[in-house]
């Protein structure tokens, strides 16, 4: 979800050259991990943009998208949802209904709903995003894979494991087709599939997938990386479960 949130911000920024002073300050704050400051600077930029362009302009979409991103980063999920819904409202007024940026906004809305535990609303938003992506992107587009992954995660949270595996496997298939065998998003897919199997008590299958994830993480991140170490700990946990069982 982080990649797709970032992609729409980069897309709009590149297309509309919206790097104003407060955006630059927000970007610097983001690089420091100071999302509260990034949020504050972006709120200031939004006010300037509304005064300059009015409430319905592409520049305003950028601001709302960034505000949604930063709000989610600081755990203000209701605010994130509100900002992304405002962005969508403007997009519907200014853009074609199948514009790819609307697909990204639907994804961001789905993420906020999911964080709020509103899973049916999240699924509705994610599937609207997926519908647009299937129309405007190739069948193997990485953003489509991200949406499949997001839908799988919602189904997993609902304990609908069969559906979760279906969407996680679709995400994995696209990522393998596009990215090859070694990419961290592929490792993430294996970890997600492992978790679903673990939740169903299918420890052998879970271990198999997690070992695939570990192999990629070791190759890209190294054995001492935190993510790699966490995967190794999860593997040991599963092995202990299998012994007890």
C-alpha atoms as a PDB file:
ATOM      1  CA  UNK A   1       0.000   0.000   0.000  1.00  0.00           C
ATOM      2  CA  UNK A   2       2.882   2.389   0.682  1.00  0.00           C
ATOM      3  CA  UNK A   3       4.109   2.153  -2.903  1.00  0.00           C
ATOM      4  CA  UNK A   4       0.779   3.023  -4.419  1.00  0.00           C
ATOM      5  CA  UNK A   5       0.234   5.889  -2.006  1.00  0.00           C
ATOM      6  CA  UNK A   6       3.576   7.293  -3.027  1.00  0.00           C
ATOM      7  CA  UNK A   7       3.018   6.718  -6.748  1.00  0.00           C
ATOM      8  CA  UNK A   8       0.047   9.033  -7.017  1.00  0.00           C
ATOM      9  CA  UNK A   9       1.915  11.779  -5.214  1.00  0.00           C
ATOM     10  CA  UNK A  10       4.888  11.481  -7.549  1.00  0.00           C
ATOM     11  CA  UNK A  11       2.635  11.235 -10.596  1.00  0.00           C
ATOM     12  CA  UNK A  12       0.683  14.379  -9.844  1.00  0.00           C
ATOM     13  CA  UNK A  13       3.744  16.288  -8.704  1.00  0.00           C
ATOM     14  CA  UNK A  14       5.615  15.474 -11.887  1.00  0.00           C
ATOM     15  CA  UNK A  15       2.691  16.276 -14.166  1.00  0.00           C
ATOM     16  CA  UNK A  16       1.608  19.503 -12.516  1.00  0.00           C
ATOM     17  CA  UNK A  17       4.948  20.867 -11.216  1.00  0.00           C
ATOM     18  CA  UNK A  18       3.441  21.502  -7.820  1.00  0.00           C
ATOM     19  CA  UNK A  19       6.634  21.803  -5.778  1.00  0.00           C
ATOM     20  CA  UNK A  20       5.918  25.025  -3.954  1.00  0.00           C
ATOM     21  CA  UNK A  21       7.824  26.181  -0.885  1.00  0.00           C
ATOM     22  CA  UNK A  22       5.695  24.353   1.671  1.00  0.00           C
ATOM     23  CA  UNK A  23       5.783  21.173  -0.397  1.00  0.00           C
ATOM     24  CA  UNK A  24       9.577  21.307  -0.309  1.00  0.00           C
ATOM     25  CA  UNK A  25       9.521  21.714   3.458  1.00  0.00           C
ATOM     26  CA  UNK A  26       7.029  18.837   3.729  1.00  0.00           C
ATOM     27  CA  UNK A  27       9.275  16.612   1.592  1.00  0.00           C
ATOM     28  CA  UNK A  28      12.276  17.388   3.777  1.00  0.00           C
ATOM     29  CA  UNK A  29      10.231  16.589   6.877  1.00  0.00           C
ATOM     30  CA  UNK A  30       9.067  13.321   5.324  1.00  0.00           C
ATOM     31  CA  UNK A  31      12.667  12.291   4.642  1.00  0.00           C
ATOM     32  CA  UNK A  32      13.398  12.865   8.337  1.00  0.00           C
ATOM     33  CA  UNK A  33      10.368  10.752   9.254  1.00  0.00           C
ATOM     34  CA  UNK A  34       8.706  13.824  10.745  1.00  0.00           C
ATOM     35  CA  UNK A  35       5.228  13.307   9.328  1.00  0.00           C
ATOM     36  CA  UNK A  36       3.566  15.714  11.747  1.00  0.00           C
ATOM     37  CA  UNK A  37       5.612  18.575  10.338  1.00  0.00           C
ATOM     38  CA  UNK A  38       5.015  17.332   6.791  1.00  0.00           C
ATOM     39  CA  UNK A  39       1.303  17.388   7.518  1.00  0.00           C
ATOM     40  CA  UNK A  40       1.477  20.924   8.893  1.00  0.00           C
ATOM     41  CA  UNK A  41       3.405  22.278   5.901  1.00  0.00           C
ATOM     42  CA  UNK A  42       0.995  20.600   3.483  1.00  0.00           C
ATOM     43  CA  UNK A  43      -1.994  22.131   5.284  1.00  0.00           C
ATOM     44  CA  UNK A  44      -0.351  25.518   4.757  1.00  0.00           C
ATOM     45  CA  UNK A  45       0.172  24.716   1.086  1.00  0.00           C
ATOM     46  CA  UNK A  46      -3.457  23.679   0.714  1.00  0.00           C
ATOM     47  CA  UNK A  47      -4.605  27.023   2.037  1.00  0.00           C
ATOM     48  CA  UNK A  48      -2.349  28.825  -0.442  1.00  0.00           C
ATOM     49  CA  UNK A  49      -3.540  26.637  -3.317  1.00  0.00           C
ATOM     50  CA  UNK A  50      -7.216  27.223  -2.550  1.00  0.00           C
ATOM     51  CA  UNK A  51      -6.610  30.972  -2.470  1.00  0.00           C
ATOM     52  CA  UNK A  52      -4.732  30.793  -5.753  1.00  0.00           C
ATOM     53  CA  UNK A  53      -6.636  28.185  -7.781  1.00  0.00           C
ATOM     54  CA  UNK A  54     -10.009  27.833  -6.064  1.00  0.00           C
ATOM     55  CA  UNK A  55     -11.439  24.687  -4.507  1.00  0.00           C
ATOM     56  CA  UNK A  56     -11.719  22.690  -7.740  1.00  0.00           C
ATOM     57  CA  UNK A  57      -8.300  22.436  -9.359  1.00  0.00           C
ATOM     58  CA  UNK A  58      -5.766  19.723 -10.029  1.00  0.00           C
ATOM     59  CA  UNK A  59      -3.361  21.417  -7.654  1.00  0.00           C
ATOM     60  CA  UNK A  60      -5.860  20.899  -4.840  1.00  0.00           C
ATOM     61  CA  UNK A  61      -5.976  17.178  -5.605  1.00  0.00           C
ATOM     62  CA  UNK A  62      -2.231  17.029  -4.965  1.00  0.00           C
ATOM     63  CA  UNK A  63      -2.613  18.696  -1.593  1.00  0.00           C
ATOM     64  CA  UNK A  64      -5.474  16.450  -0.492  1.00  0.00           C
ATOM     65  CA  UNK A  65      -3.578  13.367  -1.647  1.00  0.00           C
ATOM     66  CA  UNK A  66      -0.514  14.373   0.339  1.00  0.00           C
ATOM     67  CA  UNK A  67      -2.613  15.241   3.376  1.00  0.00           C
ATOM     68  CA  UNK A  68      -4.245  11.829   3.201  1.00  0.00           C
ATOM     69  CA  UNK A  69      -0.836  10.163   3.000  1.00  0.00           C
ATOM     70  CA  UNK A  70       0.646  12.072   5.933  1.00  0.00           C
ATOM     71  CA  UNK A  71      -2.511  11.677   8.016  1.00  0.00           C
ATOM     72  CA  UNK A  72      -2.341   7.921   7.612  1.00  0.00           C
ATOM     73  CA  UNK A  73       1.329   8.001   8.589  1.00  0.00           C
ATOM     74  CA  UNK A  74       0.515   9.693  11.908  1.00  0.00           C
ATOM     75  CA  UNK A  75      -2.390   7.327  12.571  1.00  0.00           C
ATOM     76  CA  UNK A  76      -5.154   9.856  11.861  1.00  0.00           C
ATOM     77  CA  UNK A  77      -7.155   7.455   9.715  1.00  0.00           C
ATOM     78  CA  UNK A  78     -10.447   9.348   9.844  1.00  0.00           C
ATOM     79  CA  UNK A  79      -8.645  12.440   8.561  1.00  0.00           C
ATOM     80  CA  UNK A  80      -6.885  10.387   5.899  1.00  0.00           C
ATOM     81  CA  UNK A  81     -10.236   9.115   4.704  1.00  0.00           C
ATOM     82  CA  UNK A  82     -11.722  12.605   4.655  1.00  0.00           C
ATOM     83  CA  UNK A  83      -8.853  14.063   2.628  1.00  0.00           C
ATOM     84  CA  UNK A  84      -8.894  11.256   0.091  1.00  0.00           C
ATOM     85  CA  UNK A  85     -12.660  11.526  -0.327  1.00  0.00           C
ATOM     86  CA  UNK A  86     -12.204  15.245  -1.011  1.00  0.00           C
ATOM     87  CA  UNK A  87      -9.550  14.438  -3.598  1.00  0.00           C
ATOM     88  CA  UNK A  88     -11.911  11.945  -5.247  1.00  0.00           C
ATOM     89  CA  UNK A  89     -14.717  14.519  -5.360  1.00  0.00           C
ATOM     90  CA  UNK A  90     -12.531  16.905  -7.345  1.00  0.00           C
ATOM     91  CA  UNK A  91     -11.260  14.108  -9.592  1.00  0.00           C
ATOM     92  CA  UNK A  92     -14.817  13.142 -10.477  1.00  0.00           C
ATOM     93  CA  UNK A  93     -15.507  16.745 -11.451  1.00  0.00           C
ATOM     94  CA  UNK A  94     -12.340  17.357 -13.466  1.00  0.00           C
ATOM     95  CA  UNK A  95     -11.167  14.003 -14.790  1.00  0.00           C
ATOM     96  CA  UNK A  96     -12.389  11.083 -16.829  1.00  0.00           C
ATOM     97  CA  UNK A  97     -14.028   8.479 -14.582  1.00  0.00           C
ATOM     98  CA  UNK A  98     -11.410   5.924 -15.643  1.00  0.00           C
ATOM     99  CA  UNK A  99      -8.425   8.173 -15.011  1.00  0.00           C
ATOM    100  CA  UNK A 100      -5.615   6.129 -13.368  1.00  0.00           C
ATOM    101  CA  UNK A 101      -5.163   8.697 -10.606  1.00  0.00           C
ATOM    102  CA  UNK A 102      -8.739   7.996  -9.512  1.00  0.00           C
ATOM    103  CA  UNK A 103      -7.752   4.333  -9.213  1.00  0.00           C
ATOM    104  CA  UNK A 104      -4.974   5.349  -6.845  1.00  0.00           C
ATOM    105  CA  UNK A 105      -7.313   7.504  -4.796  1.00  0.00           C
ATOM    106  CA  UNK A 106      -9.754   4.612  -4.468  1.00  0.00           C
ATOM    107  CA  UNK A 107      -6.835   2.539  -3.188  1.00  0.00           C
ATOM    108  CA  UNK A 108      -5.968   5.193  -0.639  1.00  0.00           C
ATOM    109  CA  UNK A 109      -9.605   5.350   0.481  1.00  0.00           C
ATOM    110  CA  UNK A 110      -9.623   1.573   0.784  1.00  0.00           C
ATOM    111  CA  UNK A 111      -6.514   1.714   2.938  1.00  0.00           C
ATOM    112  CA  UNK A 112      -8.094   4.232   5.319  1.00  0.00           C
ATOM    113  CA  UNK A 113     -11.284   2.164   5.591  1.00  0.00           C
ATOM    114  CA  UNK A 114      -9.233  -0.966   6.259  1.00  0.00           C
ATOM    115  CA  UNK A 115      -7.252   0.754   9.030  1.00  0.00           C
ATOM    116  CA  UNK A 116     -10.565   1.830  10.557  1.00  0.00           C
ATOM    117  CA  UNK A 117     -11.836  -1.744  10.499  1.00  0.00           C
ATOM    118  CA  UNK A 118     -14.511  -0.936   7.899  1.00  0.00           C
ATOM    119  CA  UNK A 119     -13.711  -3.900   5.717  1.00  0.00           C
ATOM    120  CA  UNK A 120     -16.714  -3.964   3.399  1.00  0.00           C
ATOM    121  CA  UNK A 121     -16.196  -0.293   2.552  1.00  0.00           C
ATOM    122  CA  UNK A 122     -12.515  -1.032   1.990  1.00  0.00           C
ATOM    123  CA  UNK A 123     -13.320  -3.860  -0.413  1.00  0.00           C
ATOM    124  CA  UNK A 124     -15.740  -1.663  -2.343  1.00  0.00           C
ATOM    125  CA  UNK A 125     -13.078   1.017  -2.794  1.00  0.00           C
ATOM    126  CA  UNK A 126     -10.321  -1.417  -3.695  1.00  0.00           C
ATOM    127  CA  UNK A 127     -12.501  -3.137  -6.284  1.00  0.00           C
ATOM    128  CA  UNK A 128     -13.386   0.209  -7.867  1.00  0.00           C
ATOM    129  CA  UNK A 129      -9.667   0.830  -8.154  1.00  0.00           C
ATOM    130  CA  UNK A 130      -9.127  -2.611  -9.659  1.00  0.00           C
ATOM    131  CA  UNK A 131     -11.874  -2.057 -12.232  1.00  0.00           C
ATOM    132  CA  UNK A 132     -10.184   1.107 -13.499  1.00  0.00           C
ATOM    133  CA  UNK A 133      -6.731  -0.460 -13.473  1.00  0.00           C
ATOM    134  CA  UNK A 134      -7.906  -3.368 -15.604  1.00  0.00           C
ATOM    135  CA  UNK A 135      -9.203  -0.871 -18.169  1.00  0.00           C
ATOM    136  CA  UNK A 136      -6.199   1.451 -18.356  1.00  0.00           C
ATOM    137  CA  UNK A 137      -3.186  -0.714 -17.457  1.00  0.00           C
ATOM    138  CA  UNK A 138      -1.755  -3.932 -18.821  1.00  0.00           C
ATOM    139  CA  UNK A 139      -2.824  -7.114 -17.050  1.00  0.00           C
ATOM    140  CA  UNK A 140       0.630  -7.372 -15.501  1.00  0.00           C
ATOM    141  CA  UNK A 141       0.915  -3.845 -14.152  1.00  0.00           C
ATOM    142  CA  UNK A 142       2.572  -3.669 -10.681  1.00  0.00           C
ATOM    143  CA  UNK A 143      -0.103  -1.272  -9.408  1.00  0.00           C
ATOM    144  CA  UNK A 144      -2.763  -3.846 -10.226  1.00  0.00           C
ATOM    145  CA  UNK A 145      -0.742  -6.377  -8.238  1.00  0.00           C
ATOM    146  CA  UNK A 146      -0.744  -3.975  -5.292  1.00  0.00           C
ATOM    147  CA  UNK A 147      -4.521  -3.724  -5.445  1.00  0.00           C
ATOM    148  CA  UNK A 148      -4.899  -7.500  -5.564  1.00  0.00           C
ATOM    149  CA  UNK A 149      -2.618  -7.661  -2.528  1.00  0.00           C
ATOM    150  CA  UNK A 150      -4.668  -5.046  -0.670  1.00  0.00           C
ATOM    151  CA  UNK A 151      -7.902  -6.913  -1.345  1.00  0.00           C
ATOM    152  CA  UNK A 152      -6.276 -10.124  -0.135  1.00  0.00           C
ATOM    153  CA  UNK A 153      -5.301  -8.423   3.104  1.00  0.00           C
ATOM    154  CA  UNK A 154      -8.861  -7.276   3.780  1.00  0.00           C
ATOM    155  CA  UNK A 155     -10.181 -10.792   3.190  1.00  0.00           C
ATOM    156  CA  UNK A 156      -7.490 -12.124   5.537  1.00  0.00           C
ATOM    157  CA  UNK A 157      -8.568  -9.680   8.238  1.00  0.00           C
ATOM    158  CA  UNK A 158     -12.128 -10.935   7.727  1.00  0.00           C
ATOM    159  CA  UNK A 159     -10.833 -14.515   8.074  1.00  0.00           C
ATOM    160  CA  UNK A 160     -12.056 -15.296   4.567  1.00  0.00           C
ATOM    161  CA  UNK A 161      -8.902 -17.248   3.879  1.00  0.00           C
ATOM    162  CA  UNK A 162      -9.866 -18.848   0.571  1.00  0.00           C
ATOM    163  CA  UNK A 163     -10.566 -15.429  -0.960  1.00  0.00           C
ATOM    164  CA  UNK A 164      -7.422 -14.005   0.633  1.00  0.00           C
ATOM    165  CA  UNK A 165      -5.266 -16.691  -0.985  1.00  0.00           C
ATOM    166  CA  UNK A 166      -6.971 -16.126  -4.323  1.00  0.00           C
ATOM    167  CA  UNK A 167      -6.038 -12.436  -4.388  1.00  0.00           C
ATOM    168  CA  UNK A 168      -2.598 -12.875  -2.839  1.00  0.00           C
ATOM    169  CA  UNK A 169      -1.758 -15.437  -5.527  1.00  0.00           C
ATOM    170  CA  UNK A 170      -2.947 -13.062  -8.263  1.00  0.00           C
ATOM    171  CA  UNK A 171      -0.644 -10.384  -6.871  1.00  0.00           C
ATOM    172  CA  UNK A 172       2.236 -12.864  -6.718  1.00  0.00           C
ATOM    173  CA  UNK A 173       1.705 -14.030 -10.294  1.00  0.00           C
ATOM    174  CA  UNK A 174       1.855 -10.477 -11.659  1.00  0.00           C
ATOM    175  CA  UNK A 175       4.904  -9.584  -9.603  1.00  0.00           C
ATOM    176  CA  UNK A 176       6.783 -12.674 -10.757  1.00  0.00           C
ATOM    177  CA  UNK A 177       5.868 -11.967 -14.391  1.00  0.00           C
ATOM    178  CA  UNK A 178       6.987  -8.357 -14.225  1.00  0.00           C
ATOM    179  CA  UNK A 179       9.783  -8.321 -11.674  1.00  0.00           C
ATOM    180  CA  UNK A 180      11.418 -11.702 -12.064  1.00  0.00           C
ATOM    181  CA  UNK A 181      12.228 -13.969  -9.140  1.00  0.00           C
ATOM    182  CA  UNK A 182      13.932 -11.609  -6.701  1.00  0.00           C
ATOM    183  CA  UNK A 183      12.089  -8.509  -5.559  1.00  0.00           C
ATOM    184  CA  UNK A 184      10.959  -7.464  -2.097  1.00  0.00           C
ATOM    185  CA  UNK A 185       7.337  -7.200  -3.223  1.00  0.00           C
ATOM    186  CA  UNK A 186       7.528 -10.872  -4.211  1.00  0.00           C
ATOM    187  CA  UNK A 187       8.962 -11.672  -0.787  1.00  0.00           C
ATOM    188  CA  UNK A 188       6.032  -9.767   0.688  1.00  0.00           C
ATOM    189  CA  UNK A 189       3.578 -11.862  -1.326  1.00  0.00           C
ATOM    190  CA  UNK A 190       5.156 -15.084  -0.077  1.00  0.00           C
ATOM    191  CA  UNK A 191       4.939 -13.780   3.503  1.00  0.00           C
ATOM    192  CA  UNK A 192       1.267 -12.911   3.077  1.00  0.00           C
ATOM    193  CA  UNK A 193       0.460 -16.328   1.667  1.00  0.00           C
ATOM    194  CA  UNK A 194       2.430 -17.904   4.510  1.00  0.00           C
ATOM    195  CA  UNK A 195       0.392 -15.979   7.067  1.00  0.00           C
ATOM    196  CA  UNK A 196      -2.919 -17.153   5.610  1.00  0.00           C
ATOM    197  CA  UNK A 197      -1.729 -20.753   5.701  1.00  0.00           C
ATOM    198  CA  UNK A 198      -0.512 -20.272   9.266  1.00  0.00           C
ATOM    199  CA  UNK A 199      -3.884 -18.879  10.330  1.00  0.00           C
ATOM    200  CA  UNK A 200      -5.483 -22.061   9.005  1.00  0.00           C
ATOM    201  CA  UNK A 201      -3.046 -24.295  10.867  1.00  0.00           C
ATOM    202  CA  UNK A 202      -1.348 -25.358   7.627  1.00  0.00           C
ATOM    203  CA  UNK A 203       2.144 -25.032   9.044  1.00  0.00           C
ATOM    204  CA  UNK A 204       4.000 -27.022   6.388  1.00  0.00           C
ATOM    205  CA  UNK A 205       2.640 -24.818   3.588  1.00  0.00           C
ATOM    206  CA  UNK A 206       3.243 -21.709   5.688  1.00  0.00           C
ATOM    207  CA  UNK A 207       6.868 -22.693   6.274  1.00  0.00           C
ATOM    208  CA  UNK A 208       7.428 -23.369   2.565  1.00  0.00           C
ATOM    209  CA  UNK A 209       6.246 -19.890   1.572  1.00  0.00           C
ATOM    210  CA  UNK A 210       8.132 -18.149   4.355  1.00  0.00           C
ATOM    211  CA  UNK A 211      11.381 -19.828   3.338  1.00  0.00           C
ATOM    212  CA  UNK A 212      10.870 -18.439  -0.164  1.00  0.00           C
ATOM    213  CA  UNK A 213      10.443 -14.993   1.322  1.00  0.00           C
ATOM    214  CA  UNK A 214      13.569 -15.423   3.449  1.00  0.00           C
ATOM    215  CA  UNK A 215      15.682 -16.425   0.461  1.00  0.00           C
ATOM    216  CA  UNK A 216      14.791 -13.204  -1.372  1.00  0.00           C
ATOM    217  CA  UNK A 217      15.281 -11.034   1.710  1.00  0.00           C
ATOM    218  CA  UNK A 218      18.727 -12.509   2.352  1.00  0.00           C
ATOM    219  CA  UNK A 219      19.719 -11.899  -1.249  1.00  0.00           C
ATOM    220  CA  UNK A 220      18.524  -8.263  -1.334  1.00  0.00           C
ATOM    221  CA  UNK A 221      18.716  -7.061   2.269  1.00  0.00           C
ATOM    222  CA  UNK A 222      21.293  -9.365   3.795  1.00  0.00           C
ATOM    223  CA  UNK A 223      21.068 -11.657   6.803  1.00  0.00           C
ATOM    224  CA  UNK A 224      21.447  -8.869   9.366  1.00  0.00           C
ATOM    225  CA  UNK A 225      18.538  -6.743   8.154  1.00  0.00           C
ATOM    226  CA  UNK A 226      15.619  -6.368  10.587  1.00  0.00           C
ATOM    227  CA  UNK A 227      13.078  -7.712   8.089  1.00  0.00           C
ATOM    228  CA  UNK A 228      15.239 -10.748   7.377  1.00  0.00           C
ATOM    229  CA  UNK A 229      15.707 -11.429  11.086  1.00  0.00           C
ATOM    230  CA  UNK A 230      11.958 -11.140  11.717  1.00  0.00           C
ATOM    231  CA  UNK A 231      11.271 -13.669   8.952  1.00  0.00           C
ATOM    232  CA  UNK A 232      13.833 -16.034  10.479  1.00  0.00           C
ATOM    233  CA  UNK A 233      12.109 -15.689  13.873  1.00  0.00           C
ATOM    234  CA  UNK A 234       8.737 -16.474  12.265  1.00  0.00           C
ATOM    235  CA  UNK A 235      10.219 -19.560  10.640  1.00  0.00           C
ATOM    236  CA  UNK A 236      11.519 -20.785  14.000  1.00  0.00           C
ATOM    237  CA  UNK A 237       8.110 -20.102  15.546  1.00  0.00           C
ATOM    238  CA  UNK A 238       6.382 -22.220  12.893  1.00  0.00           C
ATOM    239  CA  UNK A 239       8.895 -25.027  13.346  1.00  0.00           C
ATOM    240  CA  UNK A 240       8.165 -25.051  17.074  1.00  0.00           C
ATOM    241  CA  UNK A 241       4.443 -25.155  16.327  1.00  0.00           C
ATOM    242  CA  UNK A 242       4.976 -28.187  14.104  1.00  0.00           C
ATOM    243  CA  UNK A 243       6.904 -29.988  16.859  1.00  0.00           C
ATOM    244  CA  UNK A 244       4.199 -29.272  19.450  1.00  0.00           C
ATOM    245  CA  UNK A 245       1.484 -30.357  17.033  1.00  0.00           C
END
